Amino acid sequence: MSNYRRSIMEGGAFFFTVVTYKRRRFLTDDNARPILKDAFKTVQQSWPFETLAFCLLPDHLHCIWRLPPNDSDYSKRWSMIKRKFSKNYLAAGGSAIVQSESRIKKRENSIWQRRFWEHRLRDKEDFSNHLHYIHFNPVKHGYVESPADWPYSTFHRFWKKGIYDDFDWNFLAQIDYNANIEYKK
């Protein structure tokens, strides 16, 4: 069994990627979005966190969270969000797909991939890089021509604050995202 090491930092800011099982494309559907929003809100009531940035795509989501001081348990939060969403999505008529023997044995459904990807944000530059990546992601995947055209993102909140005035998105469009390179504005 793999031994995953998570970054632990109380009160830290983290970038996350969470992906649907077998990259099924349903998260932006009209019935899935409010269920996901409710799962986030419900978990936040018991296990507070601040969502600093967010982008929802059909088969995955990216976000940046800040955890409260003296708290580093983002894994618990994701587990609860995924569980609540899955239960309510299936109850509302959402569909599951045939599962592997391993998933059945562990009593898992076929809504989400088992794990998620996290990255602890080190400084302002790291935050900015990940913020831009989140907002550019719908363009990267070919859903829209501009981040402003994607409705399921916090891009518009940042744009209204002037963060993206005169911002040149061309540098992001030229990046090979399969290569391990750092991107900067």
C-alpha atoms as a PDB file:
ATOM      1  CA  MET A   1       0.000   0.000   0.000  1.00  0.00           C
ATOM      2  CA  SER A   2       1.244   3.480  -0.810  1.00  0.00           C
ATOM      3  CA  ASN A   3       2.344   5.742   1.983  1.00  0.00           C
ATOM      4  CA  TYR A   4       1.196   9.271   1.134  1.00  0.00           C
ATOM      5  CA  ARG A   5       2.749  12.137   3.055  1.00  0.00           C
ATOM      6  CA  ARG A   6       0.572  15.187   3.444  1.00  0.00           C
ATOM      7  CA  SER A   7       1.879  18.645   4.171  1.00  0.00           C
ATOM      8  CA  ILE A   8       0.850  19.690   7.663  1.00  0.00           C
ATOM      9  CA  MET A   9       0.656  23.337   8.675  1.00  0.00           C
ATOM     10  CA  GLU A  10      -1.839  24.721  11.125  1.00  0.00           C
ATOM     11  CA  GLY A  11      -3.618  27.765   9.763  1.00  0.00           C
ATOM     12  CA  GLY A  12      -1.936  27.302   6.392  1.00  0.00           C
ATOM     13  CA  ALA A  13      -3.130  28.035   2.881  1.00  0.00           C
ATOM     14  CA  PHE A  14      -3.369  25.080   0.508  1.00  0.00           C
ATOM     15  CA  PHE A  15      -4.070  24.485  -3.175  1.00  0.00           C
ATOM     16  CA  PHE A  16      -6.206  21.402  -3.928  1.00  0.00           C
ATOM     17  CA  THR A  17      -7.240  19.382  -6.939  1.00  0.00           C
ATOM     18  CA  VAL A  18     -10.114  16.934  -6.487  1.00  0.00           C
ATOM     19  CA  VAL A  19     -11.134  14.684  -9.380  1.00  0.00           C
ATOM     20  CA  THR A  20     -14.206  12.605 -10.154  1.00  0.00           C
ATOM     21  CA  TYR A  21     -13.969   8.822 -10.465  1.00  0.00           C
ATOM     22  CA  LYS A  22     -12.746   7.900 -13.963  1.00  0.00           C
ATOM     23  CA  ARG A  23     -12.999  11.611 -14.809  1.00  0.00           C
ATOM     24  CA  ARG A  24     -16.761  11.468 -15.246  1.00  0.00           C
ATOM     25  CA  ARG A  25     -18.025  14.854 -16.416  1.00  0.00           C
ATOM     26  CA  PHE A  26     -20.966  15.933 -14.253  1.00  0.00           C
ATOM     27  CA  LEU A  27     -19.817  18.473 -11.653  1.00  0.00           C
ATOM     28  CA  THR A  28     -21.000  21.498 -13.642  1.00  0.00           C
ATOM     29  CA  ASP A  29     -24.449  20.000 -14.269  1.00  0.00           C
ATOM     30  CA  ASP A  30     -27.401  21.933 -12.866  1.00  0.00           C
ATOM     31  CA  ASN A  31     -28.226  19.200 -10.358  1.00  0.00           C
ATOM     32  CA  ALA A  32     -24.631  18.645  -9.119  1.00  0.00           C
ATOM     33  CA  ARG A  33     -23.549  22.262  -8.512  1.00  0.00           C
ATOM     34  CA  PRO A  34     -26.019  23.113  -5.712  1.00  0.00           C
ATOM     35  CA  ILE A  35     -25.364  19.778  -4.004  1.00  0.00           C
ATOM     36  CA  LEU A  36     -21.612  20.469  -4.018  1.00  0.00           C
ATOM     37  CA  LYS A  37     -22.179  24.009  -2.754  1.00  0.00           C
ATOM     38  CA  ASP A  38     -24.329  22.650   0.082  1.00  0.00           C
ATOM     39  CA  ALA A  39     -21.666  20.056   0.979  1.00  0.00           C
ATOM     40  CA  PHE A  40     -19.048  22.811   1.256  1.00  0.00           C
ATOM     41  CA  LYS A  41     -21.301  25.021   3.408  1.00  0.00           C
ATOM     42  CA  THR A  42     -22.353  22.197   5.707  1.00  0.00           C
ATOM     43  CA  VAL A  43     -18.786  21.059   6.352  1.00  0.00           C
ATOM     44  CA  GLN A  44     -17.637  24.662   6.892  1.00  0.00           C
ATOM     45  CA  GLN A  45     -20.137  24.997   9.746  1.00  0.00           C
ATOM     46  CA  SER A  46     -18.507  22.179  11.724  1.00  0.00           C
ATOM     47  CA  TRP A  47     -14.978  22.353  10.350  1.00  0.00           C
ATOM     48  CA  PRO A  48     -14.305  25.978   9.339  1.00  0.00           C
ATOM     49  CA  PHE A  49     -12.098  26.917   6.419  1.00  0.00           C
ATOM     50  CA  GLU A  50     -11.968  29.885   4.074  1.00  0.00           C
ATOM     51  CA  THR A  51     -12.189  29.323   0.330  1.00  0.00           C
ATOM     52  CA  LEU A  52      -9.860  31.911  -1.183  1.00  0.00           C
ATOM     53  CA  ALA A  53     -10.175  30.768  -4.808  1.00  0.00           C
ATOM     54  CA  PHE A  54     -12.227  28.161  -6.639  1.00  0.00           C
ATOM     55  CA  CYS A  55     -12.865  26.754 -10.106  1.00  0.00           C
ATOM     56  CA  LEU A  56     -15.325  23.982 -10.911  1.00  0.00           C
ATOM     57  CA  LEU A  57     -14.896  22.011 -14.120  1.00  0.00           C
ATOM     58  CA  PRO A  58     -16.983  19.071 -15.347  1.00  0.00           C
ATOM     59  CA  ASP A  59     -14.614  16.392 -14.018  1.00  0.00           C
ATOM     60  CA  HIS A  60     -12.538  18.116 -11.341  1.00  0.00           C
ATOM     61  CA  LEU A  61     -12.191  21.181  -9.183  1.00  0.00           C
ATOM     62  CA  HIS A  62      -9.353  23.358  -7.976  1.00  0.00           C
ATOM     63  CA  CYS A  63      -9.414  25.552  -4.921  1.00  0.00           C
ATOM     64  CA  ILE A  64      -7.312  27.365  -2.391  1.00  0.00           C
ATOM     65  CA  TRP A  65      -8.282  27.119   1.273  1.00  0.00           C
ATOM     66  CA  ARG A  66      -6.997  28.824   4.378  1.00  0.00           C
ATOM     67  CA  LEU A  67      -7.423  26.792   7.548  1.00  0.00           C
ATOM     68  CA  PRO A  68      -8.055  28.283  10.985  1.00  0.00           C
ATOM     69  CA  PRO A  69      -5.168  28.752  13.416  1.00  0.00           C
ATOM     70  CA  ASN A  70      -4.355  25.563  15.349  1.00  0.00           C
ATOM     71  CA  ASP A  71      -5.971  23.378  12.679  1.00  0.00           C
ATOM     72  CA  SER A  72      -4.354  21.398   9.875  1.00  0.00           C
ATOM     73  CA  ASP A  73      -6.929  18.697   9.118  1.00  0.00           C
ATOM     74  CA  TYR A  74      -7.951  19.415   5.531  1.00  0.00           C
ATOM     75  CA  SER A  75      -8.158  15.660   4.853  1.00  0.00           C
ATOM     76  CA  LYS A  76     -11.088  15.362   7.254  1.00  0.00           C
ATOM     77  CA  ARG A  77     -12.834  18.252   5.519  1.00  0.00           C
ATOM     78  CA  TRP A  78     -12.390  16.720   2.067  1.00  0.00           C
ATOM     79  CA  SER A  79     -13.588  13.353   3.307  1.00  0.00           C
ATOM     80  CA  MET A  80     -16.743  14.932   4.721  1.00  0.00           C
ATOM     81  CA  ILE A  81     -17.393  17.065   1.607  1.00  0.00           C
ATOM     82  CA  LYS A  82     -16.958  14.103  -0.727  1.00  0.00           C
ATOM     83  CA  ARG A  83     -19.134  11.853   1.447  1.00  0.00           C
ATOM     84  CA  LYS A  84     -21.940  14.418   1.826  1.00  0.00           C
ATOM     85  CA  PHE A  85     -21.912  15.280  -1.863  1.00  0.00           C
ATOM     86  CA  SER A  86     -21.943  11.619  -2.922  1.00  0.00           C
ATOM     87  CA  LYS A  87     -24.816  10.699  -0.633  1.00  0.00           C
ATOM     88  CA  ASN A  88     -26.965  13.671  -1.645  1.00  0.00           C
ATOM     89  CA  TYR A  89     -26.053  13.462  -5.341  1.00  0.00           C
ATOM     90  CA  LEU A  90     -27.082   9.809  -5.537  1.00  0.00           C
ATOM     91  CA  ALA A  91     -30.255  10.500  -3.509  1.00  0.00           C
ATOM     92  CA  ALA A  92     -31.159  13.269  -5.986  1.00  0.00           C
ATOM     93  CA  GLY A  93     -30.955  10.864  -8.917  1.00  0.00           C
ATOM     94  CA  GLY A  94     -27.282  11.185  -9.822  1.00  0.00           C
ATOM     95  CA  SER A  95     -25.778   8.033 -11.209  1.00  0.00           C
ATOM     96  CA  ALA A  96     -22.879   5.875 -10.141  1.00  0.00           C
ATOM     97  CA  ILE A  97     -20.921   3.583 -12.442  1.00  0.00           C
ATOM     98  CA  VAL A  98     -19.683   0.025 -12.105  1.00  0.00           C
ATOM     99  CA  GLN A  99     -16.996  -0.108  -9.494  1.00  0.00           C
ATOM    100  CA  SER A 100     -13.844  -2.101  -9.033  1.00  0.00           C
ATOM    101  CA  GLU A 101     -13.748  -5.046  -6.642  1.00  0.00           C
ATOM    102  CA  SER A 102     -11.500  -3.003  -4.347  1.00  0.00           C
ATOM    103  CA  ARG A 103     -13.971  -0.091  -4.151  1.00  0.00           C
ATOM    104  CA  ILE A 104     -16.846  -2.446  -3.410  1.00  0.00           C
ATOM    105  CA  LYS A 105     -14.829  -4.168  -0.678  1.00  0.00           C
ATOM    106  CA  LYS A 106     -14.054  -0.789   0.938  1.00  0.00           C
ATOM    107  CA  ARG A 107     -17.719   0.309   0.598  1.00  0.00           C
ATOM    108  CA  GLU A 108     -16.774   3.249  -1.624  1.00  0.00           C
ATOM    109  CA  ASN A 109     -19.007   4.728  -4.292  1.00  0.00           C
ATOM    110  CA  SER A 110     -17.923   5.715  -7.773  1.00  0.00           C
ATOM    111  CA  ILE A 111     -18.290   9.485  -7.546  1.00  0.00           C
ATOM    112  CA  TRP A 112     -14.779  10.681  -6.583  1.00  0.00           C
ATOM    113  CA  GLN A 113     -11.238   9.457  -7.004  1.00  0.00           C
ATOM    114  CA  ARG A 114     -10.003   8.122  -3.676  1.00  0.00           C
ATOM    115  CA  ARG A 115      -7.467  10.793  -2.992  1.00  0.00           C
ATOM    116  CA  PHE A 116      -6.885  14.436  -3.781  1.00  0.00           C
ATOM    117  CA  TRP A 117      -3.807  16.478  -4.584  1.00  0.00           C
ATOM    118  CA  GLU A 118      -2.677  19.178  -2.202  1.00  0.00           C
ATOM    119  CA  HIS A 119       0.105  21.744  -2.167  1.00  0.00           C
ATOM    120  CA  ARG A 120       0.935  24.015   0.759  1.00  0.00           C
ATOM    121  CA  LEU A 121       1.335  27.567  -0.482  1.00  0.00           C
ATOM    122  CA  ARG A 122       4.705  28.889   0.626  1.00  0.00           C
ATOM    123  CA  ASP A 123       4.454  32.616  -0.034  1.00  0.00           C
ATOM    124  CA  LYS A 124       2.635  35.341  -1.993  1.00  0.00           C
ATOM    125  CA  GLU A 125       4.259  34.376  -5.275  1.00  0.00           C
ATOM    126  CA  ASP A 126       3.255  30.739  -4.836  1.00  0.00           C
ATOM    127  CA  PHE A 127      -0.282  31.868  -4.015  1.00  0.00           C
ATOM    128  CA  SER A 128      -0.402  34.086  -7.127  1.00  0.00           C
ATOM    129  CA  ASN A 129       0.878  31.292  -9.379  1.00  0.00           C
ATOM    130  CA  HIS A 130      -1.794  28.903  -8.140  1.00  0.00           C
ATOM    131  CA  LEU A 131      -4.510  31.558  -8.257  1.00  0.00           C
ATOM    132  CA  HIS A 132      -3.748  32.237 -11.917  1.00  0.00           C
ATOM    133  CA  TYR A 133      -3.578  28.501 -12.650  1.00  0.00           C
ATOM    134  CA  ILE A 134      -7.035  27.995 -11.116  1.00  0.00           C
ATOM    135  CA  HIS A 135      -8.588  30.814 -13.109  1.00  0.00           C
ATOM    136  CA  PHE A 136      -6.882  29.835 -16.368  1.00  0.00           C
ATOM    137  CA  ASN A 137      -7.844  26.161 -16.065  1.00  0.00           C
ATOM    138  CA  PRO A 138     -11.087  26.349 -18.131  1.00  0.00           C
ATOM    139  CA  VAL A 139      -9.067  27.910 -20.962  1.00  0.00           C
ATOM    140  CA  LYS A 140      -6.369  25.264 -20.630  1.00  0.00           C
ATOM    141  CA  HIS A 141      -8.992  22.531 -21.026  1.00  0.00           C
ATOM    142  CA  GLY A 142     -10.600  24.249 -24.015  1.00  0.00           C
ATOM    143  CA  TYR A 143     -13.957  25.127 -22.451  1.00  0.00           C
ATOM    144  CA  VAL A 144     -13.642  28.879 -23.061  1.00  0.00           C
ATOM    145  CA  GLU A 145     -11.373  31.394 -24.766  1.00  0.00           C
ATOM    146  CA  SER A 146     -10.925  33.588 -21.683  1.00  0.00           C
ATOM    147  CA  PRO A 147     -11.140  33.018 -17.907  1.00  0.00           C
ATOM    148  CA  ALA A 148     -13.838  35.711 -17.838  1.00  0.00           C
ATOM    149  CA  ASP A 149     -16.081  33.449 -19.929  1.00  0.00           C
ATOM    150  CA  TRP A 150     -16.198  30.624 -17.351  1.00  0.00           C
ATOM    151  CA  PRO A 151     -19.080  31.015 -14.869  1.00  0.00           C
ATOM    152  CA  TYR A 152     -17.944  28.480 -12.223  1.00  0.00           C
ATOM    153  CA  SER A 153     -14.917  30.307 -10.906  1.00  0.00           C
ATOM    154  CA  THR A 154     -13.871  33.006  -8.473  1.00  0.00           C
ATOM    155  CA  PHE A 155     -12.178  34.801 -11.366  1.00  0.00           C
ATOM    156  CA  HIS A 156     -14.953  37.418 -11.449  1.00  0.00           C
ATOM    157  CA  ARG A 157     -14.487  38.235  -7.757  1.00  0.00           C
ATOM    158  CA  PHE A 158     -10.780  38.917  -8.314  1.00  0.00           C
ATOM    159  CA  TRP A 159     -11.420  40.792 -11.554  1.00  0.00           C
ATOM    160  CA  LYS A 160     -13.831  43.156  -9.765  1.00  0.00           C
ATOM    161  CA  LYS A 161     -11.092  43.882  -7.213  1.00  0.00           C
ATOM    162  CA  GLY A 162      -8.723  44.865 -10.038  1.00  0.00           C
ATOM    163  CA  ILE A 163      -6.409  41.868  -9.636  1.00  0.00           C
ATOM    164  CA  TYR A 164      -6.583  41.080 -13.337  1.00  0.00           C
ATOM    165  CA  ASP A 165      -6.469  44.587 -14.795  1.00  0.00           C
ATOM    166  CA  ASP A 166      -3.992  44.496 -17.696  1.00  0.00           C
ATOM    167  CA  PHE A 167      -3.136  40.878 -16.913  1.00  0.00           C
ATOM    168  CA  ASP A 168      -1.472  39.017 -19.812  1.00  0.00           C
ATOM    169  CA  TRP A 169      -2.852  35.472 -20.016  1.00  0.00           C
ATOM    170  CA  ASN A 170      -0.602  34.616 -22.973  1.00  0.00           C
ATOM    171  CA  PHE A 171       2.210  33.385 -20.758  1.00  0.00           C
ATOM    172  CA  LEU A 172      -0.122  30.735 -19.283  1.00  0.00           C
ATOM    173  CA  ALA A 173      -1.346  29.656 -22.712  1.00  0.00           C
ATOM    174  CA  GLN A 174       2.223  28.852 -23.783  1.00  0.00           C
ATOM    175  CA  ILE A 175       3.041  26.557 -20.864  1.00  0.00           C
ATOM    176  CA  ASP A 176       3.399  22.822 -21.350  1.00  0.00           C
ATOM    177  CA  TYR A 177       1.397  21.658 -18.345  1.00  0.00           C
ATOM    178  CA  ASN A 178       2.746  18.156 -18.644  1.00  0.00           C
ATOM    179  CA  ALA A 179       6.262  19.384 -17.951  1.00  0.00           C
ATOM    180  CA  ASN A 180       7.442  20.157 -14.442  1.00  0.00           C
ATOM    181  CA  ILE A 181       8.098  23.860 -14.799  1.00  0.00           C
ATOM    182  CA  GLU A 182       7.179  26.803 -12.650  1.00  0.00           C
ATOM    183  CA  TYR A 183       5.111  29.559 -14.156  1.00  0.00           C
ATOM    184  CA  LYS A 184       5.293  33.226 -13.305  1.00  0.00           C
ATOM    185  CA  LYS A 185       3.577  36.422 -14.354  1.00  0.00           C
END
